[in-house]
Amino acid sequence: MKTKYLFPHSFKIIGWIVFIPSVLIGLWVLIKEIEPDFLDRSVFALFIDDWDEERFMGVLTNNILNEIMAVLVIVSGLLVAFSKEKYEDEYIAKIRLESLVWATYVNYGILLLAVIFVYDFSFFWVMIFNMFTILLFFIVRFHYLVWRINKNQES
């Protein structure tokens, strides 16, 4: 089956090697609020909201560890999620599509509940995690279904 939008299968291995440590380290960094001094950098920002002023575009000093971890999780998650399987066929494509739709429904269902029941700074944390959960839900469901199919074929 020709799929122009999927990465080669070999990218999935690279994705897993980066994804798992990135998620674990990223969670650790968030929970422990780690900000090493050597990662304090001057960065370009499209919108700056300091305590004393708001302005469009400029340079500010920021610790870039959170941004590095987010980029690693997103890019490696995309590699894991959207790399071809070893044997990519129509059934795998169907499972991929259904898993993506399912992950979208679950993600927005959780977001809807959070909009109704979570407020203030806690909602900000929900939004941070919500950036990653659709990808995580998709990866978990898709690979679980593929694992289940492979397990049934071996029996």
C-alpha atoms as a PDB file:
ATOM      1  CA  MET A   1       0.000   0.000   0.000  1.00  0.00           C
ATOM      2  CA  LYS A   2       1.359   3.421  -0.961  1.00  0.00           C
ATOM      3  CA  THR A   3       1.312   5.939   1.875  1.00  0.00           C
ATOM      4  CA  LYS A   4       2.940   9.238   1.071  1.00  0.00           C
ATOM      5  CA  TYR A   5       2.289  10.797   4.459  1.00  0.00           C
ATOM      6  CA  LEU A   6       4.071   8.217   6.633  1.00  0.00           C
ATOM      7  CA  PHE A   7       7.743   8.178   7.591  1.00  0.00           C
ATOM      8  CA  PRO A   8       9.859   5.105   6.764  1.00  0.00           C
ATOM      9  CA  HIS A   9       9.672   2.247   9.288  1.00  0.00           C
ATOM     10  CA  SER A  10      13.266   2.872  10.461  1.00  0.00           C
ATOM     11  CA  PHE A  11      12.190   6.253  11.879  1.00  0.00           C
ATOM     12  CA  LYS A  12       9.942   4.458  14.398  1.00  0.00           C
ATOM     13  CA  ILE A  13      12.994   2.982  16.156  1.00  0.00           C
ATOM     14  CA  ILE A  14      14.642   6.401  16.425  1.00  0.00           C
ATOM     15  CA  GLY A  15      11.335   7.805  17.644  1.00  0.00           C
ATOM     16  CA  TRP A  16      11.024   5.254  20.453  1.00  0.00           C
ATOM     17  CA  ILE A  17      14.656   5.756  21.513  1.00  0.00           C
ATOM     18  CA  VAL A  18      14.030   9.502  21.944  1.00  0.00           C
ATOM     19  CA  PHE A  19      10.333   9.446  22.955  1.00  0.00           C
ATOM     20  CA  ILE A  20      10.434   7.342  26.122  1.00  0.00           C
ATOM     21  CA  PRO A  21      13.357   9.174  27.794  1.00  0.00           C
ATOM     22  CA  SER A  22      11.989  12.547  26.663  1.00  0.00           C
ATOM     23  CA  VAL A  23       8.583  11.912  28.243  1.00  0.00           C
ATOM     24  CA  LEU A  24      10.133  10.679  31.494  1.00  0.00           C
ATOM     25  CA  ILE A  25      12.714  13.466  31.723  1.00  0.00           C
ATOM     26  CA  GLY A  26      10.130  16.059  30.650  1.00  0.00           C
ATOM     27  CA  LEU A  27       7.756  14.992  33.440  1.00  0.00           C
ATOM     28  CA  TRP A  28      10.619  15.014  35.942  1.00  0.00           C
ATOM     29  CA  VAL A  29      11.657  18.526  34.816  1.00  0.00           C
ATOM     30  CA  LEU A  30       8.069  19.793  35.195  1.00  0.00           C
ATOM     31  CA  ILE A  31       7.441  18.175  38.573  1.00  0.00           C
ATOM     32  CA  LYS A  32      10.783  19.205  40.096  1.00  0.00           C
ATOM     33  CA  GLU A  33      10.728  22.619  38.336  1.00  0.00           C
ATOM     34  CA  ILE A  34      14.316  22.147  37.159  1.00  0.00           C
ATOM     35  CA  GLU A  35      15.912  25.098  35.340  1.00  0.00           C
ATOM     36  CA  PRO A  36      19.693  24.738  35.000  1.00  0.00           C
ATOM     37  CA  ASP A  37      21.466  28.107  34.736  1.00  0.00           C
ATOM     38  CA  PHE A  38      23.473  27.126  31.655  1.00  0.00           C
ATOM     39  CA  LEU A  39      20.196  26.913  29.684  1.00  0.00           C
ATOM     40  CA  ASP A  40      19.246  30.540  30.402  1.00  0.00           C
ATOM     41  CA  ARG A  41      19.320  32.097  26.944  1.00  0.00           C
ATOM     42  CA  SER A  42      18.206  35.179  25.090  1.00  0.00           C
ATOM     43  CA  VAL A  43      15.374  34.061  22.825  1.00  0.00           C
ATOM     44  CA  PHE A  44      13.146  35.713  20.280  1.00  0.00           C
ATOM     45  CA  ALA A  45       9.481  35.847  21.322  1.00  0.00           C
ATOM     46  CA  LEU A  46       6.433  36.702  19.248  1.00  0.00           C
ATOM     47  CA  PHE A  47       4.515  37.977  22.274  1.00  0.00           C
ATOM     48  CA  ILE A  48       6.005  39.093  25.585  1.00  0.00           C
ATOM     49  CA  ASP A  49       3.833  39.319  28.674  1.00  0.00           C
ATOM     50  CA  ASP A  50       6.043  40.582  31.502  1.00  0.00           C
ATOM     51  CA  TRP A  51       4.644  41.714  34.826  1.00  0.00           C
ATOM     52  CA  ASP A  52       5.139  45.346  33.876  1.00  0.00           C
ATOM     53  CA  GLU A  53       4.452  45.343  30.113  1.00  0.00           C
ATOM     54  CA  GLU A  54       2.952  43.473  27.182  1.00  0.00           C
ATOM     55  CA  ARG A  55       4.423  43.797  23.710  1.00  0.00           C
ATOM     56  CA  PHE A  56       4.678  42.058  20.394  1.00  0.00           C
ATOM     57  CA  MET A  57       7.993  40.607  19.271  1.00  0.00           C
ATOM     58  CA  GLY A  58      11.216  41.034  21.081  1.00  0.00           C
ATOM     59  CA  VAL A  59      14.066  39.297  22.819  1.00  0.00           C
ATOM     60  CA  LEU A  60      13.893  38.066  26.391  1.00  0.00           C
ATOM     61  CA  THR A  61      15.868  35.789  28.682  1.00  0.00           C
ATOM     62  CA  ASN A  62      14.339  32.371  29.214  1.00  0.00           C
ATOM     63  CA  ASN A  63      15.418  28.949  30.427  1.00  0.00           C
ATOM     64  CA  ILE A  64      14.981  26.758  27.347  1.00  0.00           C
ATOM     65  CA  LEU A  65      14.871  23.316  29.020  1.00  0.00           C
ATOM     66  CA  ASN A  66      11.059  23.094  28.820  1.00  0.00           C
ATOM     67  CA  GLU A  67      11.139  24.030  25.153  1.00  0.00           C
ATOM     68  CA  ILE A  68      13.853  21.467  24.390  1.00  0.00           C
ATOM     69  CA  MET A  69      11.889  18.718  26.140  1.00  0.00           C
ATOM     70  CA  ALA A  70       8.632  19.700  24.404  1.00  0.00           C
ATOM     71  CA  VAL A  71      10.292  19.646  20.969  1.00  0.00           C
ATOM     72  CA  LEU A  72      11.855  16.235  21.678  1.00  0.00           C
ATOM     73  CA  VAL A  73       8.532  14.766  22.856  1.00  0.00           C
ATOM     74  CA  ILE A  74       6.582  16.185  19.912  1.00  0.00           C
ATOM     75  CA  VAL A  75       9.057  15.253  17.171  1.00  0.00           C
ATOM     76  CA  SER A  76       9.815  11.780  18.539  1.00  0.00           C
ATOM     77  CA  GLY A  77       6.101  11.190  19.204  1.00  0.00           C
ATOM     78  CA  LEU A  78       5.310  12.071  15.596  1.00  0.00           C
ATOM     79  CA  LEU A  79       8.021   9.645  14.432  1.00  0.00           C
ATOM     80  CA  VAL A  80       6.561   6.855  16.581  1.00  0.00           C
ATOM     81  CA  ALA A  81       2.978   7.606  15.604  1.00  0.00           C
ATOM     82  CA  PHE A  82       3.406   8.211  11.896  1.00  0.00           C
ATOM     83  CA  SER A  83       6.127   5.831  10.781  1.00  0.00           C
ATOM     84  CA  LYS A  84       5.120   2.841   8.701  1.00  0.00           C
ATOM     85  CA  GLU A  85       4.720  -0.504  10.356  1.00  0.00           C
ATOM     86  CA  LYS A  86       6.972  -3.319   9.179  1.00  0.00           C
ATOM     87  CA  TYR A  87       4.013  -4.691   7.219  1.00  0.00           C
ATOM     88  CA  GLU A  88       1.802  -1.738   6.336  1.00  0.00           C
ATOM     89  CA  ASP A  89      -1.481  -2.770   4.689  1.00  0.00           C
ATOM     90  CA  GLU A  90      -5.067  -1.515   4.389  1.00  0.00           C
ATOM     91  CA  TYR A  91      -6.062  -3.006   7.735  1.00  0.00           C
ATOM     92  CA  ILE A  92      -3.203  -1.214   9.521  1.00  0.00           C
ATOM     93  CA  ALA A  93      -4.232   2.003   7.733  1.00  0.00           C
ATOM     94  CA  LYS A  94      -7.804   1.484   8.999  1.00  0.00           C
ATOM     95  CA  ILE A  95      -6.575   0.939  12.551  1.00  0.00           C
ATOM     96  CA  ARG A  96      -4.356   4.027  12.252  1.00  0.00           C
ATOM     97  CA  LEU A  97      -7.292   6.191  11.152  1.00  0.00           C
ATOM     98  CA  GLU A  98      -9.676   4.803  13.778  1.00  0.00           C
ATOM     99  CA  SER A  99      -7.047   5.305  16.500  1.00  0.00           C
ATOM    100  CA  LEU A 100      -6.491   8.890  15.425  1.00  0.00           C
ATOM    101  CA  VAL A 101     -10.228   9.630  15.500  1.00  0.00           C
ATOM    102  CA  TRP A 102     -10.571   7.872  18.867  1.00  0.00           C
ATOM    103  CA  ALA A 103      -7.609   9.808  20.325  1.00  0.00           C
ATOM    104  CA  THR A 104      -9.133  13.073  19.101  1.00  0.00           C
ATOM    105  CA  TYR A 105     -12.498  12.295  20.726  1.00  0.00           C
ATOM    106  CA  VAL A 106     -10.916  11.264  24.028  1.00  0.00           C
ATOM    107  CA  ASN A 107      -8.559  14.250  24.049  1.00  0.00           C
ATOM    108  CA  TYR A 108     -11.326  16.769  23.425  1.00  0.00           C
ATOM    109  CA  GLY A 109     -13.666  14.986  25.825  1.00  0.00           C
ATOM    110  CA  ILE A 110     -11.097  15.442  28.582  1.00  0.00           C
ATOM    111  CA  LEU A 111     -10.542  19.045  27.500  1.00  0.00           C
ATOM    112  CA  LEU A 112     -14.292  19.699  27.587  1.00  0.00           C
ATOM    113  CA  LEU A 113     -14.497  18.342  31.132  1.00  0.00           C
ATOM    114  CA  ALA A 114     -11.508  20.484  32.109  1.00  0.00           C
ATOM    115  CA  VAL A 115     -13.128  23.612  30.651  1.00  0.00           C
ATOM    116  CA  ILE A 116     -16.206  22.960  32.776  1.00  0.00           C
ATOM    117  CA  PHE A 117     -14.560  21.779  36.020  1.00  0.00           C
ATOM    118  CA  VAL A 118     -10.960  23.102  36.203  1.00  0.00           C
ATOM    119  CA  TYR A 119     -10.100  26.762  36.786  1.00  0.00           C
ATOM    120  CA  ASP A 120      -7.297  29.272  37.194  1.00  0.00           C
ATOM    121  CA  PHE A 121      -3.690  28.068  37.139  1.00  0.00           C
ATOM    122  CA  SER A 122      -4.748  24.419  37.278  1.00  0.00           C
ATOM    123  CA  PHE A 123      -6.389  24.892  33.883  1.00  0.00           C
ATOM    124  CA  PHE A 124      -3.065  26.162  32.549  1.00  0.00           C
ATOM    125  CA  TRP A 125      -1.486  22.806  33.548  1.00  0.00           C
ATOM    126  CA  VAL A 126      -4.342  20.941  31.868  1.00  0.00           C
ATOM    127  CA  MET A 127      -3.640  22.882  28.668  1.00  0.00           C
ATOM    128  CA  ILE A 128       0.082  22.088  28.848  1.00  0.00           C
ATOM    129  CA  PHE A 129      -0.591  18.368  29.148  1.00  0.00           C
ATOM    130  CA  ASN A 130      -3.363  18.578  26.540  1.00  0.00           C
ATOM    131  CA  MET A 131      -0.788  19.576  23.923  1.00  0.00           C
ATOM    132  CA  PHE A 132       0.747  16.119  24.213  1.00  0.00           C
ATOM    133  CA  THR A 133      -2.140  13.832  25.145  1.00  0.00           C
ATOM    134  CA  ILE A 134      -3.711  13.461  21.694  1.00  0.00           C
ATOM    135  CA  LEU A 135      -0.401  12.105  20.400  1.00  0.00           C
ATOM    136  CA  LEU A 136       0.040   9.896  23.474  1.00  0.00           C
ATOM    137  CA  PHE A 137      -3.527   8.526  23.270  1.00  0.00           C
ATOM    138  CA  PHE A 138      -3.040   7.747  19.579  1.00  0.00           C
ATOM    139  CA  ILE A 139       0.298   5.979  20.131  1.00  0.00           C
ATOM    140  CA  VAL A 140      -1.039   3.870  22.993  1.00  0.00           C
ATOM    141  CA  ARG A 141      -4.256   2.829  21.240  1.00  0.00           C
ATOM    142  CA  PHE A 142      -2.730   2.201  17.812  1.00  0.00           C
ATOM    143  CA  HIS A 143       0.165   0.112  19.111  1.00  0.00           C
ATOM    144  CA  TYR A 144      -2.114  -1.793  21.491  1.00  0.00           C
ATOM    145  CA  LEU A 145      -4.409  -2.767  18.607  1.00  0.00           C
ATOM    146  CA  VAL A 146      -1.475  -3.739  16.368  1.00  0.00           C
ATOM    147  CA  TRP A 147      -0.018  -5.813  19.242  1.00  0.00           C
ATOM    148  CA  ARG A 148      -3.392  -7.514  19.738  1.00  0.00           C
ATOM    149  CA  ILE A 149      -3.646  -8.360  16.032  1.00  0.00           C
ATOM    150  CA  ASN A 150      -0.107  -9.798  16.000  1.00  0.00           C
ATOM    151  CA  LYS A 151      -0.835 -11.794  19.156  1.00  0.00           C
ATOM    152  CA  ASN A 152      -4.012 -13.277  17.615  1.00  0.00           C
ATOM    153  CA  GLN A 153      -2.164 -14.217  14.423  1.00  0.00           C
ATOM    154  CA  GLU A 154       0.497 -16.091  16.403  1.00  0.00           C
ATOM    155  CA  SER A 155      -2.146 -18.181  18.226  1.00  0.00           C
END
